[in-house]
Amino acid sequence: MSKYQKSVEIAIDWLLNSKIHNLDETNAETFGSFNKYYDFRKKSCPYAYTEITAYAIELLLDLYERTNDQEYLENAKLAGEWIGDMQYKGTDENATGGFLECFYLPKGPVADKVFSFDTAICISALSDLYRKTGHNRYLILANKGVRWLIQVMRNSDGSFKPFYDLKTKSFSNKAKNHFYFRPRSAKLRNTWYKLPGCHHGKIAIGLLKYYSIERKPLLLEIVRSLFQWVLAQQDPEGYFKVNPGCKASFLHTHCYATEGVLYSYPYLKDKQLLDAGKKAGDWLIKIQRSDGSIPSWFNNGQIISSVDSSAVAQAVRLWSILYSETGDKRYYDSIKKGSRYLLSMQHMDSESSMLGGFYLVEFDLKLIRYKLKRLYSWATMFAIHALNFADEVPSRKIQKSELW
């Protein structure tokens, strides 16, 4: 048995067989989707999440590739059908082709916002699903999403408008930065997702996966222009600022930007991208703590004490790519420490029906460490992928194309 196999197996079981996965065939509006998180206090999930269901497709296809287990492929196709139903099909041309954010449980309604980032993640998943199945429906859905991003959401400087609000008929583009940390209530409030930010670097992955099928040169130029804008947000120390108007770095979005940078390098052949990716990965090593965790926010040289486990998993994936690229032992040491920390964030109560899911947020509250009592779907998906990489990186070269 590989080092992390047991942890990975029970995490997969939680994803596929708990309340986080909607498999009630009598509810066609959610069938096949994945929910945002499970709340222990309320014993329920808030909504079916489009972006996260797309990540589930990527993970399921990766697992299918590893095992040839048809169950993974069938679940990926169910998720793809649900995502297709979440593509806006109304009369508002400013939203046509984008993917609606979520479906509120238990009986709706559908959210009234269409995000650029979420749509790019859906394009990525649908492109992969098309490659695996050959079903043209997935490619048509991806094509509509690409056209919306390029024709409606792209700004003249290469960045993207964050979202379109169907209710107010307006675009989000210039909201004010605002975030604060309140230890007593264990909450981190922020508005980074309402602004064009470094996380939009990951939009490139969806566009390039679609490009790998359709080979439209315009897509390469759009990605090139996007990174002229994204790289301007990288501090000389290596971290990506949340957005142009904010000096802080949110580690989750820093990793998204780095994923986009490294994935795009083989397509654009621009060494500046590879250098930026290495610099970003090295900065993650610099701020990693002895227990393997990474602080969730870095602001003006100060670290906020909360930890986002999904960012730790992202960092492990990035270090796996960089170790394969360079053979630098520092990356391997950080992979091992980060993986150990991830295991500490897995819910391991054998008496619980929620066995196997991963907590997202941990806080240092004076003398204790407190985990927010929710198990998150994407934190679990990212952890599974990261632990599989961590198991394999000593014996095989991890490809940049394996990022999602």
Protein backbone atom coordinates (compact mmCIF):
# COMPACT_ATOMS: atom_id res chain seq x y z
CA MET A 1 0.00 0.00 0.00
CA SER A 2 1.34 3.44 -0.91
CA LYS A 3 1.94 5.97 1.85
CA TYR A 4 -1.29 7.94 1.41
CA GLN A 5 -3.52 5.29 -0.15
CA LYS A 6 -5.84 4.80 2.83
CA SER A 7 -6.38 8.53 3.23
CA VAL A 8 -7.07 8.93 -0.48
CA GLU A 9 -9.49 6.00 -0.60
CA ILE A 10 -11.69 7.20 2.24
CA ALA A 11 -11.63 10.75 0.84
CA ILE A 12 -12.86 9.46 -2.53
CA ASP A 13 -15.56 7.45 -0.78
CA TRP A 14 -16.73 10.59 1.05
CA LEU A 15 -16.87 12.59 -2.18
CA LEU A 16 -18.87 10.00 -4.07
CA ASN A 17 -21.13 8.58 -1.36
CA SER A 18 -21.88 11.29 1.19
CA LYS A 19 -24.31 14.23 1.14
CA ILE A 20 -21.69 16.25 -0.70
CA HIS A 21 -22.61 14.41 -3.94
CA ASN A 22 -26.14 14.78 -5.30
CA LEU A 23 -27.26 11.41 -6.64
CA ASP A 24 -31.02 11.57 -6.07
CA GLU A 25 -32.40 10.81 -9.54
CA THR A 26 -35.81 12.21 -8.55
CA ASN A 27 -34.23 15.69 -8.28
CA ALA A 28 -33.15 16.44 -11.84
CA GLU A 29 -32.11 19.99 -10.89
CA THR A 30 -29.14 18.78 -8.82
CA PHE A 31 -28.52 15.21 -10.02
CA GLY A 32 -24.82 14.62 -10.66
CA SER A 33 -23.58 17.81 -8.98
CA PHE A 34 -21.34 18.35 -5.96
CA ASN A 35 -22.15 20.63 -3.03
CA LYS A 36 -19.93 23.32 -1.54
CA TYR A 37 -19.49 21.94 1.98
CA TYR A 38 -21.10 19.89 4.73
CA ASP A 39 -21.93 21.84 7.90
CA PHE A 40 -21.75 19.70 11.06
CA ARG A 41 -23.91 22.11 13.04
CA LYS A 42 -26.74 22.28 10.50
CA LYS A 43 -26.15 18.73 9.20
CA SER A 44 -26.70 19.99 5.67
CA CYS A 45 -25.05 21.48 2.57
CA PRO A 46 -25.86 25.01 1.30
CA TYR A 47 -25.78 24.63 -2.48
CA ALA A 48 -24.67 22.68 -5.52
CA TYR A 49 -21.58 24.48 -6.78
CA THR A 50 -20.83 24.73 -10.50
CA GLU A 51 -17.10 25.52 -10.28
CA ILE A 52 -16.53 22.72 -7.79
CA THR A 53 -18.51 20.22 -9.85
CA ALA A 54 -16.11 21.06 -12.69
CA TYR A 55 -13.15 20.31 -10.39
CA ALA A 56 -14.86 17.02 -9.55
CA ILE A 57 -14.89 16.13 -13.26
CA GLU A 58 -11.16 16.80 -13.48
CA LEU A 59 -10.48 14.64 -10.43
CA LEU A 60 -12.77 11.82 -11.58
CA LEU A 61 -11.13 11.73 -15.00
CA ASP A 62 -7.71 11.65 -13.33
CA LEU A 63 -8.84 8.73 -11.16
CA TYR A 64 -10.29 6.97 -14.20
CA GLU A 65 -6.95 7.39 -15.98
CA ARG A 66 -5.15 5.86 -12.99
CA THR A 67 -7.51 2.93 -12.35
CA ASN A 68 -9.64 2.37 -15.48
CA ASP A 69 -12.63 2.12 -13.10
CA GLN A 70 -15.74 2.95 -15.14
CA GLU A 71 -17.54 4.32 -12.07
CA TYR A 72 -15.27 7.37 -12.15
CA LEU A 73 -16.00 8.04 -15.80
CA GLU A 74 -19.75 7.61 -15.34
CA ASN A 75 -19.80 10.04 -12.41
CA ALA A 76 -17.75 12.52 -14.45
CA LYS A 77 -20.32 12.34 -17.27
CA LEU A 78 -23.20 12.88 -14.82
CA ALA A 79 -21.41 15.96 -13.50
CA GLY A 80 -20.81 17.18 -17.06
CA GLU A 81 -24.52 16.90 -17.87
CA TRP A 82 -25.41 18.93 -14.77
CA ILE A 83 -22.87 21.62 -15.66
CA GLY A 84 -24.37 21.78 -19.15
CA ASP A 85 -27.77 22.47 -17.61
CA MET A 86 -26.21 25.32 -15.59
CA GLN A 87 -25.06 27.18 -18.70
CA TYR A 88 -27.17 30.32 -19.11
CA LYS A 89 -29.62 29.93 -21.97
CA GLY A 90 -31.86 32.99 -21.47
CA THR A 91 -32.25 36.14 -23.52
CA ASP A 92 -29.68 38.39 -21.80
CA GLU A 93 -26.77 38.44 -24.27
CA ASN A 94 -24.37 39.63 -21.56
CA ALA A 95 -24.71 36.24 -19.87
CA THR A 96 -25.19 33.87 -22.81
CA GLY A 97 -22.59 31.10 -22.67
CA GLY A 98 -21.50 31.68 -19.09
CA PHE A 99 -22.15 29.15 -16.34
CA LEU A 100 -24.38 30.12 -13.41
CA GLU A 101 -22.64 30.03 -10.05
CA CYS A 102 -24.78 27.58 -8.07
CA PHE A 103 -28.13 26.00 -7.29
CA TYR A 104 -29.39 26.58 -3.76
CA LEU A 105 -30.53 23.54 -1.82
CA PRO A 106 -32.90 21.90 -1.41
CA LYS A 107 -35.15 23.33 -4.16
CA GLY A 108 -33.44 26.33 -5.70
CA PRO A 109 -33.33 28.99 -6.99
CA VAL A 110 -30.39 29.14 -9.35
CA ALA A 111 -27.91 31.93 -8.54
CA ASP A 112 -28.14 35.15 -10.53
CA LYS A 113 -24.40 35.64 -11.07
CA VAL A 114 -22.20 34.34 -13.89
CA PHE A 115 -18.46 34.31 -13.06
CA SER A 116 -15.58 34.43 -15.53
CA PHE A 117 -13.41 32.23 -13.32
CA ASP A 118 -16.09 29.59 -12.82
CA THR A 119 -16.83 29.51 -16.53
CA ALA A 120 -13.14 28.96 -17.33
CA ILE A 121 -13.01 26.03 -14.90
CA CYS A 122 -16.10 24.56 -16.60
CA ILE A 123 -14.46 24.99 -20.02
CA SER A 124 -11.40 23.12 -18.72
CA ALA A 125 -13.47 20.21 -17.41
CA LEU A 126 -15.74 19.99 -20.46
CA SER A 127 -12.74 20.03 -22.80
CA ASP A 128 -11.23 17.11 -20.90
CA LEU A 129 -14.56 15.30 -20.88
CA TYR A 130 -14.83 15.75 -24.64
CA ARG A 131 -11.33 14.34 -25.13
CA LYS A 132 -12.15 11.32 -22.98
CA THR A 133 -15.62 10.53 -24.38
CA GLY A 134 -15.72 12.10 -27.86
CA HIS A 135 -19.23 13.41 -27.09
CA ASN A 136 -19.67 16.60 -29.11
CA ARG A 137 -22.13 18.11 -26.62
CA TYR A 138 -19.28 18.83 -24.20
CA LEU A 139 -17.26 20.64 -26.87
CA ILE A 140 -20.27 22.75 -27.88
CA LEU A 141 -20.81 23.78 -24.25
CA ALA A 142 -17.12 24.67 -23.91
CA ASN A 143 -17.22 26.67 -27.15
CA LYS A 144 -20.10 28.80 -25.90
CA GLY A 145 -18.22 29.47 -22.68
CA VAL A 146 -15.08 30.51 -24.55
CA ARG A 147 -17.02 32.90 -26.77
CA TRP A 148 -18.64 34.52 -23.70
CA LEU A 149 -15.27 35.02 -21.99
CA ILE A 150 -13.66 36.54 -25.07
CA GLN A 151 -16.52 38.61 -26.45
CA VAL A 152 -18.21 39.81 -23.26
CA MET A 153 -15.94 39.50 -20.22
CA ARG A 154 -12.48 40.39 -21.49
CA ASN A 155 -11.11 43.86 -20.71
CA SER A 156 -8.89 45.85 -23.06
CA ASP A 157 -5.84 45.41 -20.78
CA GLY A 158 -6.02 41.61 -20.99
CA SER A 159 -7.79 41.08 -17.67
CA PHE A 160 -11.36 39.81 -17.23
CA LYS A 161 -14.45 41.23 -15.59
CA PRO A 162 -15.13 39.02 -12.56
CA PHE A 163 -18.86 38.45 -13.05
CA TYR A 164 -22.11 39.58 -14.61
CA ASP A 165 -25.12 40.06 -12.33
CA LEU A 166 -28.35 39.03 -14.05
CA LYS A 167 -30.43 40.69 -11.35
CA THR A 168 -28.88 44.17 -11.62
CA LYS A 169 -27.82 43.81 -15.28
CA SER A 170 -24.35 44.99 -14.37
CA PHE A 171 -20.73 43.83 -14.44
CA SER A 172 -18.43 43.65 -11.44
CA ASN A 173 -15.10 45.23 -12.28
CA LYS A 174 -14.19 47.96 -9.81
CA ALA A 175 -15.37 46.95 -6.34
CA LYS A 176 -13.31 48.10 -3.35
CA ASN A 177 -10.90 45.79 -1.54
CA HIS A 178 -12.13 44.80 1.89
CA PHE A 179 -11.08 41.98 4.16
CA TYR A 180 -10.73 41.50 7.85
CA PHE A 181 -10.04 38.71 10.31
CA ARG A 182 -12.12 38.16 13.45
CA PRO A 183 -10.64 35.40 15.62
CA ARG A 184 -13.58 35.19 18.02
CA SER A 185 -16.09 34.31 15.36
CA ALA A 186 -13.45 32.53 13.25
CA LYS A 187 -14.43 34.37 10.09
CA LEU A 188 -12.44 35.85 7.26
CA ARG A 189 -14.43 38.32 5.20
CA ASN A 190 -13.14 39.51 1.87
CA THR A 191 -14.23 40.74 -1.54
CA TRP A 192 -11.31 39.61 -3.69
CA TYR A 193 -13.60 37.60 -5.99
CA LYS A 194 -15.47 40.77 -7.00
CA LEU A 195 -12.38 42.26 -8.68
CA PRO A 196 -10.13 41.36 -11.59
CA GLY A 197 -7.35 39.57 -9.71
CA CYS A 198 -4.37 37.26 -9.91
CA HIS A 199 -6.67 34.22 -9.61
CA HIS A 200 -7.77 34.98 -13.17
CA GLY A 201 -4.41 33.60 -14.27
CA LYS A 202 -6.08 30.20 -14.00
CA ILE A 203 -8.57 31.23 -16.70
CA ALA A 204 -5.69 30.44 -19.07
CA ILE A 205 -5.95 26.71 -18.31
CA GLY A 206 -9.51 26.52 -19.61
CA LEU A 207 -8.68 28.56 -22.72
CA LEU A 208 -5.57 26.48 -23.48
CA LYS A 209 -7.35 23.16 -23.02
CA TYR A 210 -9.95 24.33 -25.52
CA TYR A 211 -7.13 25.58 -27.78
CA SER A 212 -5.52 22.12 -27.70
CA ILE A 213 -8.68 20.83 -29.42
CA GLU A 214 -9.66 23.67 -31.77
CA ARG A 215 -6.22 25.25 -32.40
CA LYS A 216 -7.43 28.83 -32.76
CA PRO A 217 -4.31 31.11 -32.66
CA LEU A 218 -6.36 33.97 -31.19
CA LEU A 219 -6.61 32.03 -27.93
CA LEU A 220 -2.83 32.04 -27.53
CA GLU A 221 -2.74 35.80 -28.00
CA ILE A 222 -5.51 36.25 -25.43
CA VAL A 223 -3.59 34.12 -22.91
CA ARG A 224 -0.38 36.03 -23.66
CA SER A 225 -2.18 39.32 -23.04
CA LEU A 226 -3.70 37.98 -19.82
CA PHE A 227 -0.27 37.12 -18.44
CA GLN A 228 1.16 40.51 -19.27
CA TRP A 229 -1.47 41.74 -16.82
CA VAL A 230 -1.11 38.92 -14.26
CA LEU A 231 2.69 39.04 -14.02
CA ALA A 232 2.46 42.73 -13.19
CA GLN A 233 0.78 41.62 -9.93
CA GLN A 234 3.80 39.57 -8.81
CA ASP A 235 5.86 41.16 -6.05
CA PRO A 236 9.67 40.97 -6.31
CA GLU A 237 9.55 38.55 -3.34
CA GLY A 238 7.58 36.12 -5.49
CA TYR A 239 4.02 36.34 -4.24
CA PHE A 240 1.08 37.38 -6.38
CA LYS A 241 -0.94 40.25 -4.94
CA VAL A 242 -4.66 39.63 -4.70
CA ASN A 243 -5.26 42.34 -7.31
CA PRO A 244 -3.63 45.57 -8.56
CA GLY A 245 -5.14 47.68 -5.76
CA CYS A 246 -4.11 45.43 -2.87
CA LYS A 247 -0.68 44.71 -1.41
CA ALA A 248 -1.89 41.56 0.36
CA SER A 249 -1.56 38.04 -0.98
CA PHE A 250 -4.28 35.42 -0.49
CA LEU A 251 -2.48 32.11 -0.72
CA HIS A 252 -5.38 30.36 -2.45
CA THR A 253 -5.37 32.89 -5.31
CA HIS A 254 -1.56 33.07 -5.36
CA CYS A 255 -1.59 29.34 -6.11
CA TYR A 256 -4.26 29.75 -8.79
CA ALA A 257 -2.08 32.33 -10.53
CA THR A 258 0.97 30.06 -10.26
CA GLU A 259 -0.97 27.10 -11.68
CA GLY A 260 -1.96 29.19 -14.67
CA VAL A 261 1.60 30.43 -15.19
CA LEU A 262 3.15 26.94 -15.12
CA TYR A 263 0.43 25.37 -17.26
CA SER A 264 0.80 28.08 -19.92
CA TYR A 265 4.58 27.94 -20.24
CA PRO A 266 4.71 24.96 -22.67
CA TYR A 267 2.16 26.67 -24.93
CA LEU A 268 3.63 30.19 -24.98
CA LYS A 269 7.31 29.17 -24.72
CA ASP A 270 7.95 32.31 -22.68
CA LYS A 271 10.71 31.72 -20.11
CA GLN A 272 9.36 34.63 -18.11
CA LEU A 273 6.41 32.41 -17.17
CA LEU A 274 8.62 29.55 -15.97
CA ASP A 275 10.77 31.97 -13.96
CA ALA A 276 7.64 33.51 -12.40
CA GLY A 277 6.35 30.04 -11.49
CA LYS A 278 9.61 29.06 -9.82
CA LYS A 279 9.75 32.35 -7.95
CA ALA A 280 6.17 31.84 -6.73
CA GLY A 281 6.92 28.26 -5.65
CA ASP A 282 10.07 29.33 -3.83
CA TRP A 283 8.13 31.98 -1.92
CA LEU A 284 5.69 29.28 -0.76
CA ILE A 285 8.66 27.35 0.66
CA LYS A 286 9.84 30.49 2.44
CA ILE A 287 6.56 30.99 4.32
CA GLN A 288 5.80 27.30 5.00
CA ARG A 289 5.71 26.57 8.72
CA SER A 290 7.47 23.69 10.47
CA ASP A 291 4.18 21.74 10.67
CA GLY A 292 3.82 21.94 6.88
CA SER A 293 1.01 24.49 6.87
CA ILE A 294 0.94 27.77 4.97
CA PRO A 295 -0.75 30.93 6.29
CA SER A 296 -3.85 31.84 4.32
CA TRP A 297 -3.04 35.59 4.07
CA PHE A 298 0.17 37.60 3.84
CA ASN A 299 -0.21 41.37 4.21
CA ASN A 300 2.60 43.94 4.29
CA GLY A 301 5.03 41.37 5.65
CA GLN A 302 2.58 40.20 8.32
CA ILE A 303 1.10 36.70 8.39
CA ILE A 304 -2.51 36.07 9.38
CA SER A 305 -2.67 32.95 11.49
CA SER A 306 -5.46 31.06 9.71
CA VAL A 307 -4.66 28.20 7.32
CA ASP A 308 -6.53 27.28 4.12
CA SER A 309 -5.97 23.57 3.51
CA SER A 310 -6.88 23.87 -0.17
CA ALA A 311 -3.93 26.27 -0.62
CA VAL A 312 -1.63 23.75 1.09
CA ALA A 313 -2.84 21.09 -1.36
CA GLN A 314 -2.30 23.49 -4.27
CA ALA A 315 1.22 24.19 -3.03
CA VAL A 316 1.99 20.45 -2.87
CA ARG A 317 0.83 20.10 -6.48
CA LEU A 318 2.96 23.06 -7.58
CA TRP A 319 6.05 21.80 -5.74
CA SER A 320 5.53 18.39 -7.37
CA ILE A 321 5.68 20.03 -10.80
CA LEU A 322 8.72 22.10 -9.85
CA TYR A 323 10.54 19.15 -8.30
CA SER A 324 9.96 17.14 -11.48
CA GLU A 325 11.25 20.10 -13.50
CA THR A 326 14.34 20.89 -11.42
CA GLY A 327 15.14 18.00 -9.07
CA ASP A 328 15.60 20.61 -6.31
CA LYS A 329 15.34 18.75 -2.98
CA ARG A 330 13.81 21.79 -1.28
CA TYR A 331 10.59 21.18 -3.20
CA TYR A 332 10.53 17.52 -2.18
CA ASP A 333 11.04 18.39 1.50
CA SER A 334 8.13 20.85 1.32
CA ILE A 335 5.95 18.27 -0.43
CA LYS A 336 6.47 15.85 2.47
CA LYS A 337 5.76 18.47 5.14
CA GLY A 338 2.72 19.80 3.30
CA SER A 339 1.31 16.30 2.85
CA ARG A 340 1.65 15.59 6.58
CA TYR A 341 -0.29 18.74 7.35
CA LEU A 342 -3.03 17.79 4.89
CA LEU A 343 -3.54 14.49 6.70
CA SER A 344 -4.12 16.42 9.94
CA MET A 345 -7.03 18.24 8.22
CA GLN A 346 -8.92 15.06 7.30
CA HIS A 347 -12.00 14.11 9.31
CA MET A 348 -11.12 10.67 10.69
CA ASP A 349 -13.94 9.87 13.11
CA SER A 350 -14.76 6.28 12.15
CA GLU A 351 -18.20 6.58 13.78
CA SER A 352 -19.15 9.50 11.54
CA SER A 353 -20.94 9.22 8.19
CA MET A 354 -18.69 12.08 7.11
CA LEU A 355 -15.48 10.06 7.50
CA GLY A 356 -12.87 11.09 4.93
CA GLY A 357 -13.73 14.69 4.09
CA PHE A 358 -11.24 17.53 4.61
CA TYR A 359 -11.63 20.64 6.72
CA LEU A 360 -10.80 23.85 4.87
CA VAL A 361 -9.96 26.39 7.58
CA GLU A 362 -7.91 26.13 10.77
CA PHE A 363 -7.30 29.03 13.17
CA ASP A 364 -4.78 29.61 15.94
CA LEU A 365 -6.87 30.91 18.86
CA LYS A 366 -4.43 31.67 21.67
CA LEU A 367 -3.58 28.25 23.13
CA ILE A 368 -5.71 26.10 20.85
CA ARG A 369 -6.10 25.38 17.16
CA TYR A 370 -9.66 25.44 15.92
CA LYS A 371 -11.01 23.86 12.73
CA LEU A 372 -14.12 25.42 11.23
CA LYS A 373 -16.72 22.65 11.57
CA ARG A 374 -17.33 22.15 7.90
CA LEU A 375 -15.97 19.64 5.42
CA TYR A 376 -15.36 21.19 2.00
CA SER A 377 -15.65 19.44 -1.33
CA TRP A 378 -12.86 21.29 -3.16
CA ALA A 379 -10.47 21.03 -0.22
CA THR A 380 -11.01 17.25 -0.40
CA MET A 381 -10.61 17.13 -4.19
CA PHE A 382 -7.40 19.15 -4.10
CA ALA A 383 -6.05 17.02 -1.22
CA ILE A 384 -6.68 13.76 -3.11
CA HIS A 385 -4.87 15.08 -6.17
CA ALA A 386 -1.99 16.46 -4.07
CA LEU A 387 -1.52 13.25 -2.08
CA ASN A 388 -1.47 11.20 -5.27
CA PHE A 389 1.25 13.51 -6.61
CA ALA A 390 3.18 13.31 -3.34
CA ASP A 391 3.13 9.51 -3.55
CA GLU A 392 4.37 9.47 -7.13
CA VAL A 393 6.81 12.34 -7.42
CA PRO A 394 9.91 10.37 -6.32
CA SER A 395 9.36 7.75 -9.03
CA ARG A 396 7.92 9.63 -12.02
CA LYS A 397 7.99 13.04 -13.65
CA ILE A 398 4.83 15.04 -12.91
CA GLN A 399 3.77 16.98 -16.00
CA LYS A 400 2.54 20.58 -16.00
CA SER A 401 -0.37 19.36 -18.11
CA GLU A 402 -1.60 17.35 -15.09
CA LEU A 403 -2.60 20.55 -13.29
CA TRP A 404 -6.28 21.42 -13.27
